[in-house]
Amino acid sequence: GCGDELSKLFGSYGDVEECKPMDDEDCEQFTDVYFIKFCQVHNARFAKRKLDEFVFLGNRLQVSYAPHFESLSDTREKLEGRRKEVLARLSPGRSKGSTVHNPGAFVEPLLVATPSGTNCISQPIYSNQRDSGESQHISHSKDSSITMVSSDKDYFLSQSMNQTVRLVREKLNKIQSSGEHLEVGPSKKTRVDNRRRI
């Protein structure tokens, strides 16, 4: 079918590690689902931005992330990578150029779908770089307790974003309940960043 053409299309946005049909996925009639795995996260994000709603073989592609294909260890590595990046951003005295990225640091899945033609799941994408628009705030207290936000509430207008939030929370709960805790570095006095973000 269209797998080779689809692989070439996505390959124009970065190295594609894997592209295969996903016959077991639920989809509409006359619709194909593909698993596409990029080598780096930023390539997958760029492909998602450019190819979502892109007309491919007469039909529109639908592109979205697929976190349900991540393994528990992939999620743990990704969150650890994000934590390190946030700490590096908050750390005063470090210039942006001094941040060292480790390729293959974590995985982020991407789902690509076409309603009446071809669906593609662009799956775990291994990389180290984060989109500058995404940020997290990490705070440490003396007793290391973390304030939880209600998981029943939808925080985004997009249903897919809310679904992603729920999936990540489920994985975090699994990690927390498994008793395997990530090693926390030496505690430092937390600094409040009063700069305004634009």
Foldseek 3Di string as FASTA:
>chain_A
DCQVVVCVLLCVLAAWPDKAWDPPDDADPQETEIEIEAQADVSLVVCQVPQAQNQDPNFHKHKFFDCVPDDLVQLVQVVVLQVVVQVQVQDPPDDPVVDDFDWQRHWTWMWMTTRNHYTYTHGTHGGRDDDPVDHDDDDADPVRDDDDDDLVDQDDPDPSVNVVVNVSVVSVVVCVVVVDDDDDDDDDDDDDDPDDDD
